[in-house]
């Protein structure tokens, strides 16, 4: 009820002044036509219709990001499914692009081409992040758009727990036009869905198997994911790590997320696909 009242108040505040001027003018006309009761009823009915229409239009505008317009669908990658990513020409990528193939799993999104930008602030972490590594993604008042644990003294980069936690923000509009959020190397187990208030949450464990070769035995790497998806605004907050599900979920639950006034559009992104495998760059 409180949210509805706020939206109605905001909608009324957005009514064009022309409608208000028309209402004032019509009230004067009603007084002048006081001898003609039919005219009074007709004018009042017209004004009610006009003002109601104005309120409805403004209400739709005020709640454009609160109507559940976004959706997520997940599935194993198809055998020949590929995504081409453009990164600019370099000595390592002379053609300026790379095609991802042999994928494990994909997340597809539907909805409008814009969202409000969001930022997050951790409420709990197993240990403090390396500020130098994360400085570029931190705002002056302590909010982040990306946060990783690499570079912290507690992290052993040569162990299987090389990225205990990381948090990254994506947006459904960036996957517009048949893009996808991808697991390239790890295959997820059963995905559990939960409702965390405004967020649809998907939790799962994924395993990457690195085949044996002449230098090493077969290696199994374990990753843990909590994906928070806002179906109203379209942001996707991926909390993942190599530690364990308890740690990753604790980070996700204690995190505070805020919407900003900045609008993110599909045209802001050069590519419409990203991969979310932990520790892969």
C-alpha atoms as a PDB file:
ATOM      1  CA  UNK A   1       0.000   0.000   0.000  1.00  0.00           C
ATOM      2  CA  UNK A   2       2.802   2.411   0.890  1.00  0.00           C
ATOM      3  CA  UNK A   3       4.507   1.735  -2.459  1.00  0.00           C
ATOM      4  CA  UNK A   4       1.218   2.278  -4.333  1.00  0.00           C
ATOM      5  CA  UNK A   5       0.660   5.580  -2.564  1.00  0.00           C
ATOM      6  CA  UNK A   6       4.178   6.685  -3.406  1.00  0.00           C
ATOM      7  CA  UNK A   7       3.696   5.793  -7.067  1.00  0.00           C
ATOM      8  CA  UNK A   8       0.357   7.619  -7.249  1.00  0.00           C
ATOM      9  CA  UNK A   9       1.852  10.695  -5.620  1.00  0.00           C
ATOM     10  CA  UNK A  10       4.754  10.627  -8.055  1.00  0.00           C
ATOM     11  CA  UNK A  11       2.366  10.143 -10.960  1.00  0.00           C
ATOM     12  CA  UNK A  12       0.215  13.117  -9.961  1.00  0.00           C
ATOM     13  CA  UNK A  13       3.347  15.255  -9.644  1.00  0.00           C
ATOM     14  CA  UNK A  14       4.193  14.398 -13.254  1.00  0.00           C
ATOM     15  CA  UNK A  15       0.885  15.626 -14.700  1.00  0.00           C
ATOM     16  CA  UNK A  16       1.521  18.201 -17.408  1.00  0.00           C
ATOM     17  CA  UNK A  17       0.680  21.764 -16.337  1.00  0.00           C
ATOM     18  CA  UNK A  18      -1.520  22.045 -19.397  1.00  0.00           C
ATOM     19  CA  UNK A  19      -3.995  19.628 -17.848  1.00  0.00           C
ATOM     20  CA  UNK A  20      -4.036  21.613 -14.624  1.00  0.00           C
ATOM     21  CA  UNK A  21      -4.591  24.869 -16.532  1.00  0.00           C
ATOM     22  CA  UNK A  22      -7.409  23.182 -18.421  1.00  0.00           C
ATOM     23  CA  UNK A  23      -8.964  22.051 -15.156  1.00  0.00           C
ATOM     24  CA  UNK A  24      -8.880  25.593 -13.748  1.00  0.00           C
ATOM     25  CA  UNK A  25     -10.345  26.992 -16.949  1.00  0.00           C
ATOM     26  CA  UNK A  26     -13.095  24.391 -16.944  1.00  0.00           C
ATOM     27  CA  UNK A  27     -14.047  25.165 -13.339  1.00  0.00           C
ATOM     28  CA  UNK A  28     -14.604  28.786 -14.363  1.00  0.00           C
ATOM     29  CA  UNK A  29     -16.722  27.626 -17.300  1.00  0.00           C
ATOM     30  CA  UNK A  30     -18.792  25.478 -14.955  1.00  0.00           C
ATOM     31  CA  UNK A  31     -19.591  28.492 -12.822  1.00  0.00           C
ATOM     32  CA  UNK A  32     -20.553  30.522 -15.883  1.00  0.00           C
ATOM     33  CA  UNK A  33     -22.834  27.738 -17.088  1.00  0.00           C
ATOM     34  CA  UNK A  34     -24.520  27.218 -13.738  1.00  0.00           C
ATOM     35  CA  UNK A  35     -27.941  27.650 -15.315  1.00  0.00           C
ATOM     36  CA  UNK A  36     -27.435  24.682 -17.605  1.00  0.00           C
ATOM     37  CA  UNK A  37     -27.175  21.559 -15.427  1.00  0.00           C
ATOM     38  CA  UNK A  38     -26.623  19.226 -18.383  1.00  0.00           C
ATOM     39  CA  UNK A  39     -23.627  21.263 -19.492  1.00  0.00           C
ATOM     40  CA  UNK A  40     -22.176  21.128 -16.001  1.00  0.00           C
ATOM     41  CA  UNK A  41     -22.448  17.330 -15.854  1.00  0.00           C
ATOM     42  CA  UNK A  42     -20.978  16.961 -19.345  1.00  0.00           C
ATOM     43  CA  UNK A  43     -17.990  19.220 -18.665  1.00  0.00           C
ATOM     44  CA  UNK A  44     -17.292  17.595 -15.310  1.00  0.00           C
ATOM     45  CA  UNK A  45     -17.410  14.135 -16.864  1.00  0.00           C
ATOM     46  CA  UNK A  46     -14.988  15.253 -19.585  1.00  0.00           C
ATOM     47  CA  UNK A  47     -12.600  16.714 -17.023  1.00  0.00           C
ATOM     48  CA  UNK A  48     -12.667  13.560 -14.919  1.00  0.00           C
ATOM     49  CA  UNK A  49     -11.815  11.534 -18.010  1.00  0.00           C
ATOM     50  CA  UNK A  50      -8.953  13.834 -19.019  1.00  0.00           C
ATOM     51  CA  UNK A  51      -7.435  13.967 -15.545  1.00  0.00           C
ATOM     52  CA  UNK A  52      -7.777  10.207 -15.068  1.00  0.00           C
ATOM     53  CA  UNK A  53      -6.031   9.646 -18.382  1.00  0.00           C
ATOM     54  CA  UNK A  54      -3.246  12.021 -17.357  1.00  0.00           C
ATOM     55  CA  UNK A  55      -2.768  10.230 -14.035  1.00  0.00           C
ATOM     56  CA  UNK A  56      -2.692   6.815 -15.708  1.00  0.00           C
ATOM     57  CA  UNK A  57      -0.111   7.904 -18.281  1.00  0.00           C
ATOM     58  CA  UNK A  58       2.105   9.409 -15.600  1.00  0.00           C
ATOM     59  CA  UNK A  59       1.635   6.402 -13.332  1.00  0.00           C
ATOM     60  CA  UNK A  60       2.842   4.117 -16.095  1.00  0.00           C
ATOM     61  CA  UNK A  61       5.865   6.373 -16.559  1.00  0.00           C
ATOM     62  CA  UNK A  62       6.621   6.487 -12.835  1.00  0.00           C
ATOM     63  CA  UNK A  63       6.492   2.694 -12.503  1.00  0.00           C
ATOM     64  CA  UNK A  64       8.156   1.756 -15.793  1.00  0.00           C
ATOM     65  CA  UNK A  65      10.885  -0.085 -13.887  1.00  0.00           C
ATOM     66  CA  UNK A  66       8.494  -1.810 -11.462  1.00  0.00           C
ATOM     67  CA  UNK A  67       6.301  -3.973 -13.653  1.00  0.00           C
ATOM     68  CA  UNK A  68       8.193  -7.266 -13.858  1.00  0.00           C
ATOM     69  CA  UNK A  69       9.136  -6.736 -17.491  1.00  0.00           C
ATOM     70  CA  UNK A  70      12.329  -8.801 -17.400  1.00  0.00           C
ATOM     71  CA  UNK A  71      12.668 -12.578 -17.479  1.00  0.00           C
ATOM     72  CA  UNK A  72      15.490 -15.128 -17.283  1.00  0.00           C
ATOM     73  CA  UNK A  73      15.710 -18.577 -18.841  1.00  0.00           C
ATOM     74  CA  UNK A  74      18.539 -21.053 -18.352  1.00  0.00           C
ATOM     75  CA  UNK A  75      19.531 -24.222 -20.199  1.00  0.00           C
ATOM     76  CA  UNK A  76      22.525 -26.341 -21.197  1.00  0.00           C
ATOM     77  CA  UNK A  77      24.329 -24.878 -24.183  1.00  0.00           C
ATOM     78  CA  UNK A  78      23.432 -26.372 -27.535  1.00  0.00           C
ATOM     79  CA  UNK A  79      26.108 -28.423 -29.298  1.00  0.00           C
ATOM     80  CA  UNK A  80      26.977 -25.842 -31.969  1.00  0.00           C
ATOM     81  CA  UNK A  81      26.033 -22.725 -30.008  1.00  0.00           C
ATOM     82  CA  UNK A  82      28.607 -19.935 -30.339  1.00  0.00           C
ATOM     83  CA  UNK A  83      28.997 -16.251 -29.452  1.00  0.00           C
ATOM     84  CA  UNK A  84      31.411 -13.866 -31.137  1.00  0.00           C
ATOM     85  CA  UNK A  85      32.978 -11.169 -28.978  1.00  0.00           C
ATOM     86  CA  UNK A  86      34.692  -8.052 -30.310  1.00  0.00           C
ATOM     87  CA  UNK A  87      37.600  -6.697 -28.258  1.00  0.00           C
ATOM     88  CA  UNK A  88      39.617  -4.701 -30.768  1.00  0.00           C
ATOM     89  CA  UNK A  89      42.676  -5.749 -32.732  1.00  0.00           C
ATOM     90  CA  UNK A  90      45.891  -6.679 -30.935  1.00  0.00           C
ATOM     91  CA  UNK A  91      48.901  -8.912 -31.444  1.00  0.00           C
ATOM     92  CA  UNK A  92      47.031 -11.630 -29.555  1.00  0.00           C
ATOM     93  CA  UNK A  93      43.802 -11.061 -31.434  1.00  0.00           C
ATOM     94  CA  UNK A  94      44.672  -9.784 -34.930  1.00  0.00           C
ATOM     95  CA  UNK A  95      41.104 -10.162 -36.161  1.00  0.00           C
ATOM     96  CA  UNK A  96      39.761  -8.104 -33.266  1.00  0.00           C
ATOM     97  CA  UNK A  97      37.269 -10.760 -32.210  1.00  0.00           C
ATOM     98  CA  UNK A  98      36.995 -14.223 -30.731  1.00  0.00           C
ATOM     99  CA  UNK A  99      34.284 -16.854 -31.030  1.00  0.00           C
ATOM    100  CA  UNK A 100      33.319 -18.779 -27.914  1.00  0.00           C
ATOM    101  CA  UNK A 101      32.276 -22.386 -28.493  1.00  0.00           C
ATOM    102  CA  UNK A 102      32.056 -25.701 -26.645  1.00  0.00           C
ATOM    103  CA  UNK A 103      30.030 -23.940 -23.968  1.00  0.00           C
ATOM    104  CA  UNK A 104      28.523 -25.621 -20.918  1.00  0.00           C
ATOM    105  CA  UNK A 105      25.515 -23.548 -19.882  1.00  0.00           C
ATOM    106  CA  UNK A 106      23.712 -20.327 -20.852  1.00  0.00           C
ATOM    107  CA  UNK A 107      21.374 -17.828 -19.227  1.00  0.00           C
ATOM    108  CA  UNK A 108      19.124 -15.905 -21.632  1.00  0.00           C
ATOM    109  CA  UNK A 109      17.155 -12.755 -20.851  1.00  0.00           C
ATOM    110  CA  UNK A 110      14.030 -11.046 -22.136  1.00  0.00           C
ATOM    111  CA  UNK A 111      12.778  -7.528 -21.566  1.00  0.00           C
ATOM    112  CA  UNK A 112      13.230  -3.848 -22.464  1.00  0.00           C
ATOM    113  CA  UNK A 113      16.465  -2.306 -23.691  1.00  0.00           C
ATOM    114  CA  UNK A 114      17.200  -0.239 -20.590  1.00  0.00           C
ATOM    115  CA  UNK A 115      17.597  -0.533 -16.817  1.00  0.00           C
ATOM    116  CA  UNK A 116      18.658   1.668 -13.965  1.00  0.00           C
ATOM    117  CA  UNK A 117      22.289   1.254 -12.996  1.00  0.00           C
ATOM    118  CA  UNK A 118      22.833  -0.345  -9.589  1.00  0.00           C
ATOM    119  CA  UNK A 119      25.654  -0.383  -7.059  1.00  0.00           C
ATOM    120  CA  UNK A 120      26.213  -2.663  -4.076  1.00  0.00           C
ATOM    121  CA  UNK A 121      27.880  -2.483  -0.695  1.00  0.00           C
ATOM    122  CA  UNK A 122      29.000  -5.641   1.146  1.00  0.00           C
ATOM    123  CA  UNK A 123      27.666  -6.121   4.656  1.00  0.00           C
ATOM    124  CA  UNK A 124      29.849  -9.130   5.359  1.00  0.00           C
ATOM    125  CA  UNK A 125      32.985 -10.603   3.799  1.00  0.00           C
ATOM    126  CA  UNK A 126      35.166 -13.487   5.042  1.00  0.00           C
ATOM    127  CA  UNK A 127      38.102 -11.069   4.820  1.00  0.00           C
ATOM    128  CA  UNK A 128      38.700  -7.578   3.464  1.00  0.00           C
ATOM    129  CA  UNK A 129      39.397  -7.156  -0.257  1.00  0.00           C
ATOM    130  CA  UNK A 130      42.557  -5.694  -1.718  1.00  0.00           C
ATOM    131  CA  UNK A 131      41.670  -2.016  -2.133  1.00  0.00           C
ATOM    132  CA  UNK A 132      44.193  -1.451  -4.911  1.00  0.00           C
ATOM    133  CA  UNK A 133      42.675  -4.241  -7.027  1.00  0.00           C
ATOM    134  CA  UNK A 134      39.115  -2.963  -6.519  1.00  0.00           C
ATOM    135  CA  UNK A 135      39.735   0.804  -6.529  1.00  0.00           C
ATOM    136  CA  UNK A 136      38.486   1.347 -10.089  1.00  0.00           C
ATOM    137  CA  UNK A 137      35.051  -0.120  -9.313  1.00  0.00           C
ATOM    138  CA  UNK A 138      34.495   1.675  -5.988  1.00  0.00           C
ATOM    139  CA  UNK A 139      32.586   4.944  -5.638  1.00  0.00           C
ATOM    140  CA  UNK A 140      33.652   7.774  -3.364  1.00  0.00           C
ATOM    141  CA  UNK A 141      30.983   6.826  -0.821  1.00  0.00           C
ATOM    142  CA  UNK A 142      31.988   3.157  -0.651  1.00  0.00           C
ATOM    143  CA  UNK A 143      29.712   1.389  -3.165  1.00  0.00           C
ATOM    144  CA  UNK A 144      30.889  -1.034  -5.826  1.00  0.00           C
ATOM    145  CA  UNK A 145      30.022  -2.265  -9.295  1.00  0.00           C
ATOM    146  CA  UNK A 146      32.494  -5.153  -9.026  1.00  0.00           C
ATOM    147  CA  UNK A 147      34.371  -6.686  -6.112  1.00  0.00           C
ATOM    148  CA  UNK A 148      36.925  -9.517  -6.159  1.00  0.00           C
ATOM    149  CA  UNK A 149      38.994 -11.210  -3.479  1.00  0.00           C
ATOM    150  CA  UNK A 150      42.108 -11.764  -5.554  1.00  0.00           C
ATOM    151  CA  UNK A 151      45.201  -9.979  -4.337  1.00  0.00           C
ATOM    152  CA  UNK A 152      44.200 -10.186  -0.664  1.00  0.00           C
ATOM    153  CA  UNK A 153      46.807 -11.714   1.719  1.00  0.00           C
ATOM    154  CA  UNK A 154      44.378 -14.509   2.643  1.00  0.00           C
ATOM    155  CA  UNK A 155      44.181 -15.775  -0.958  1.00  0.00           C
ATOM    156  CA  UNK A 156      46.510 -18.455  -2.268  1.00  0.00           C
ATOM    157  CA  UNK A 157      46.493 -17.927  -6.014  1.00  0.00           C
ATOM    158  CA  UNK A 158      48.044 -21.360  -6.603  1.00  0.00           C
ATOM    159  CA  UNK A 159      45.421 -23.336  -4.688  1.00  0.00           C
ATOM    160  CA  UNK A 160      41.983 -24.506  -5.794  1.00  0.00           C
ATOM    161  CA  UNK A 161      40.520 -21.767  -3.591  1.00  0.00           C
ATOM    162  CA  UNK A 162      42.070 -18.977  -5.655  1.00  0.00           C
ATOM    163  CA  UNK A 163      38.969 -16.735  -5.731  1.00  0.00           C
ATOM    164  CA  UNK A 164      36.999 -17.236  -2.468  1.00  0.00           C
ATOM    165  CA  UNK A 165      34.436 -14.611  -3.428  1.00  0.00           C
ATOM    166  CA  UNK A 166      33.655 -12.187  -6.219  1.00  0.00           C
ATOM    167  CA  UNK A 167      30.642 -10.014  -7.024  1.00  0.00           C
ATOM    168  CA  UNK A 168      29.824  -8.646 -10.467  1.00  0.00           C
ATOM    169  CA  UNK A 169      26.851  -6.718 -11.837  1.00  0.00           C
ATOM    170  CA  UNK A 170      25.289  -7.269 -15.245  1.00  0.00           C
ATOM    171  CA  UNK A 171      22.061  -6.076 -16.866  1.00  0.00           C
ATOM    172  CA  UNK A 172      19.450  -7.916 -18.902  1.00  0.00           C
ATOM    173  CA  UNK A 173      19.537  -5.191 -21.610  1.00  0.00           C
ATOM    174  CA  UNK A 174      23.194  -5.943 -22.344  1.00  0.00           C
ATOM    175  CA  UNK A 175      22.118  -9.401 -23.522  1.00  0.00           C
ATOM    176  CA  UNK A 176      19.476  -7.933 -25.818  1.00  0.00           C
ATOM    177  CA  UNK A 177      19.302  -9.328 -29.359  1.00  0.00           C
ATOM    178  CA  UNK A 178      19.902 -12.982 -28.468  1.00  0.00           C
ATOM    179  CA  UNK A 179      22.926 -12.521 -26.199  1.00  0.00           C
ATOM    180  CA  UNK A 180      23.696 -14.645 -23.154  1.00  0.00           C
ATOM    181  CA  UNK A 181      25.450 -14.940 -19.829  1.00  0.00           C
ATOM    182  CA  UNK A 182      27.605 -18.039 -20.161  1.00  0.00           C
ATOM    183  CA  UNK A 183      29.380 -20.769 -18.229  1.00  0.00           C
ATOM    184  CA  UNK A 184      32.186 -21.752 -20.572  1.00  0.00           C
ATOM    185  CA  UNK A 185      34.087 -24.316 -18.532  1.00  0.00           C
ATOM    186  CA  UNK A 186      31.983 -25.375 -15.543  1.00  0.00           C
ATOM    187  CA  UNK A 187      28.867 -27.521 -15.603  1.00  0.00           C
ATOM    188  CA  UNK A 188      26.232 -26.724 -12.948  1.00  0.00           C
ATOM    189  CA  UNK A 189      24.474 -29.243 -10.775  1.00  0.00           C
ATOM    190  CA  UNK A 190      20.779 -28.825 -10.005  1.00  0.00           C
ATOM    191  CA  UNK A 191      19.845 -25.128  -9.794  1.00  0.00           C
ATOM    192  CA  UNK A 192      17.760 -24.117  -6.785  1.00  0.00           C
ATOM    193  CA  UNK A 193      15.444 -21.131  -7.130  1.00  0.00           C
ATOM    194  CA  UNK A 194      14.421 -18.938  -4.197  1.00  0.00           C
ATOM    195  CA  UNK A 195      12.546 -15.690  -3.656  1.00  0.00           C
ATOM    196  CA  UNK A 196      14.508 -13.016  -1.798  1.00  0.00           C
ATOM    197  CA  UNK A 197      12.021 -10.158  -1.822  1.00  0.00           C
ATOM    198  CA  UNK A 198      12.531  -8.193  -5.026  1.00  0.00           C
ATOM    199  CA  UNK A 199      15.087 -10.705  -6.290  1.00  0.00           C
ATOM    200  CA  UNK A 200      14.638 -14.052  -7.971  1.00  0.00           C
ATOM    201  CA  UNK A 201      17.627 -16.083  -6.770  1.00  0.00           C
ATOM    202  CA  UNK A 202      19.341 -19.018  -8.449  1.00  0.00           C
ATOM    203  CA  UNK A 203      21.851 -21.051  -6.393  1.00  0.00           C
ATOM    204  CA  UNK A 204      24.056 -23.842  -7.668  1.00  0.00           C
ATOM    205  CA  UNK A 205      27.403 -25.616  -7.547  1.00  0.00           C
ATOM    206  CA  UNK A 206      29.353 -26.023 -10.776  1.00  0.00           C
ATOM    207  CA  UNK A 207      32.343 -28.220 -11.513  1.00  0.00           C
ATOM    208  CA  UNK A 208      35.126 -27.795 -14.042  1.00  0.00           C
ATOM    209  CA  UNK A 209      37.096 -30.861 -15.030  1.00  0.00           C
ATOM    210  CA  UNK A 210      40.598 -30.238 -16.363  1.00  0.00           C
ATOM    211  CA  UNK A 211      41.835 -33.343 -18.194  1.00  0.00           C
ATOM    212  CA  UNK A 212      45.084 -34.977 -17.196  1.00  0.00           C
ATOM    213  CA  UNK A 213      48.193 -34.449 -19.286  1.00  0.00           C
ATOM    214  CA  UNK A 214      51.871 -35.310 -19.056  1.00  0.00           C
ATOM    215  CA  UNK A 215      52.382 -32.641 -16.395  1.00  0.00           C
ATOM    216  CA  UNK A 216      49.381 -33.135 -14.119  1.00  0.00           C
ATOM    217  CA  UNK A 217      46.596 -35.464 -13.065  1.00  0.00           C
ATOM    218  CA  UNK A 218      42.950 -34.807 -13.841  1.00  0.00           C
ATOM    219  CA  UNK A 219      41.809 -31.832 -11.773  1.00  0.00           C
ATOM    220  CA  UNK A 220      38.329 -30.987 -10.503  1.00  0.00           C
ATOM    221  CA  UNK A 221      37.581 -27.352  -9.639  1.00  0.00           C
ATOM    222  CA  UNK A 222      34.461 -26.389  -7.687  1.00  0.00           C
ATOM    223  CA  UNK A 223      32.595 -23.106  -8.014  1.00  0.00           C
ATOM    224  CA  UNK A 224      29.593 -21.828  -6.081  1.00  0.00           C
ATOM    225  CA  UNK A 225      27.056 -19.335  -7.405  1.00  0.00           C
ATOM    226  CA  UNK A 226      24.243 -17.179  -6.080  1.00  0.00           C
ATOM    227  CA  UNK A 227      22.644 -15.154  -8.879  1.00  0.00           C
ATOM    228  CA  UNK A 228      20.255 -12.373  -7.883  1.00  0.00           C
ATOM    229  CA  UNK A 229      17.947 -11.251 -10.699  1.00  0.00           C
ATOM    230  CA  UNK A 230      15.603  -8.270 -10.380  1.00  0.00           C
ATOM    231  CA  UNK A 231      12.681  -8.866 -12.739  1.00  0.00           C
ATOM    232  CA  UNK A 232      11.494  -5.282 -12.284  1.00  0.00           C
ATOM    233  CA  UNK A 233      14.714  -3.426 -13.092  1.00  0.00           C
ATOM    234  CA  UNK A 234      16.702  -6.093 -14.929  1.00  0.00           C
ATOM    235  CA  UNK A 235      19.976  -6.082 -13.002  1.00  0.00           C
ATOM    236  CA  UNK A 236      21.812  -9.370 -12.440  1.00  0.00           C
ATOM    237  CA  UNK A 237      24.147  -9.543  -9.458  1.00  0.00           C
ATOM    238  CA  UNK A 238      26.391 -12.597  -9.659  1.00  0.00           C
ATOM    239  CA  UNK A 239      27.974 -13.619  -6.354  1.00  0.00           C
ATOM    240  CA  UNK A 240      30.377 -16.517  -6.843  1.00  0.00           C
ATOM    241  CA  UNK A 241      33.512 -18.073  -5.440  1.00  0.00           C
ATOM    242  CA  UNK A 242      35.759 -21.073  -5.008  1.00  0.00           C
ATOM    243  CA  UNK A 243      35.296 -21.321  -1.227  1.00  0.00           C
ATOM    244  CA  UNK A 244      31.929 -22.954  -0.438  1.00  0.00           C
ATOM    245  CA  UNK A 245      28.224 -22.244  -0.791  1.00  0.00           C
ATOM    246  CA  UNK A 246      27.888 -21.082   2.814  1.00  0.00           C
ATOM    247  CA  UNK A 247      30.450 -18.320   2.301  1.00  0.00           C
ATOM    248  CA  UNK A 248      29.085 -17.202  -1.071  1.00  0.00           C
ATOM    249  CA  UNK A 249      25.488 -17.179   0.162  1.00  0.00           C
ATOM    250  CA  UNK A 250      26.471 -15.234   3.286  1.00  0.00           C
ATOM    251  CA  UNK A 251      28.108 -12.556   1.131  1.00  0.00           C
ATOM    252  CA  UNK A 252      24.988 -12.378  -1.058  1.00  0.00           C
ATOM    253  CA  UNK A 253      22.503 -12.143   1.813  1.00  0.00           C
ATOM    254  CA  UNK A 254      24.373  -9.402   3.660  1.00  0.00           C
ATOM    255  CA  UNK A 255      24.870  -7.272   0.570  1.00  0.00           C
ATOM    256  CA  UNK A 256      23.016  -3.975   0.122  1.00  0.00           C
ATOM    257  CA  UNK A 257      22.016  -2.992  -3.416  1.00  0.00           C
ATOM    258  CA  UNK A 258      20.834   0.444  -4.520  1.00  0.00           C
ATOM    259  CA  UNK A 259      19.479   1.811  -7.778  1.00  0.00           C
ATOM    260  CA  UNK A 260      20.973   5.010  -9.168  1.00  0.00           C
ATOM    261  CA  UNK A 261      19.482   7.630 -11.488  1.00  0.00           C
ATOM    262  CA  UNK A 262      21.767   6.552 -14.326  1.00  0.00           C
ATOM    263  CA  UNK A 263      20.147   4.596 -17.149  1.00  0.00           C
ATOM    264  CA  UNK A 264      21.923   1.613 -18.709  1.00  0.00           C
ATOM    265  CA  UNK A 265      20.950   0.784 -22.292  1.00  0.00           C
ATOM    266  CA  UNK A 266      21.688  -2.138 -24.584  1.00  0.00           C
ATOM    267  CA  UNK A 267      23.562   0.243 -26.909  1.00  0.00           C
ATOM    268  CA  UNK A 268      26.062   0.941 -24.099  1.00  0.00           C
ATOM    269  CA  UNK A 269      27.590  -2.512 -24.554  1.00  0.00           C
ATOM    270  CA  UNK A 270      29.812  -3.508 -27.450  1.00  0.00           C
ATOM    271  CA  UNK A 271      29.089  -7.214 -26.899  1.00  0.00           C
ATOM    272  CA  UNK A 272      25.939  -9.038 -25.914  1.00  0.00           C
ATOM    273  CA  UNK A 273      27.589 -12.010 -24.201  1.00  0.00           C
ATOM    274  CA  UNK A 274      29.775 -12.488 -21.107  1.00  0.00           C
ATOM    275  CA  UNK A 275      31.083 -15.549 -19.301  1.00  0.00           C
ATOM    276  CA  UNK A 276      30.818 -15.855 -15.513  1.00  0.00           C
ATOM    277  CA  UNK A 277      33.297 -18.661 -14.849  1.00  0.00           C
ATOM    278  CA  UNK A 278      35.114 -17.814 -11.626  1.00  0.00           C
ATOM    279  CA  UNK A 279      38.691 -16.632 -12.004  1.00  0.00           C
ATOM    280  CA  UNK A 280      38.690 -16.751 -15.811  1.00  0.00           C
ATOM    281  CA  UNK A 281      39.781 -13.588 -17.592  1.00  0.00           C
END
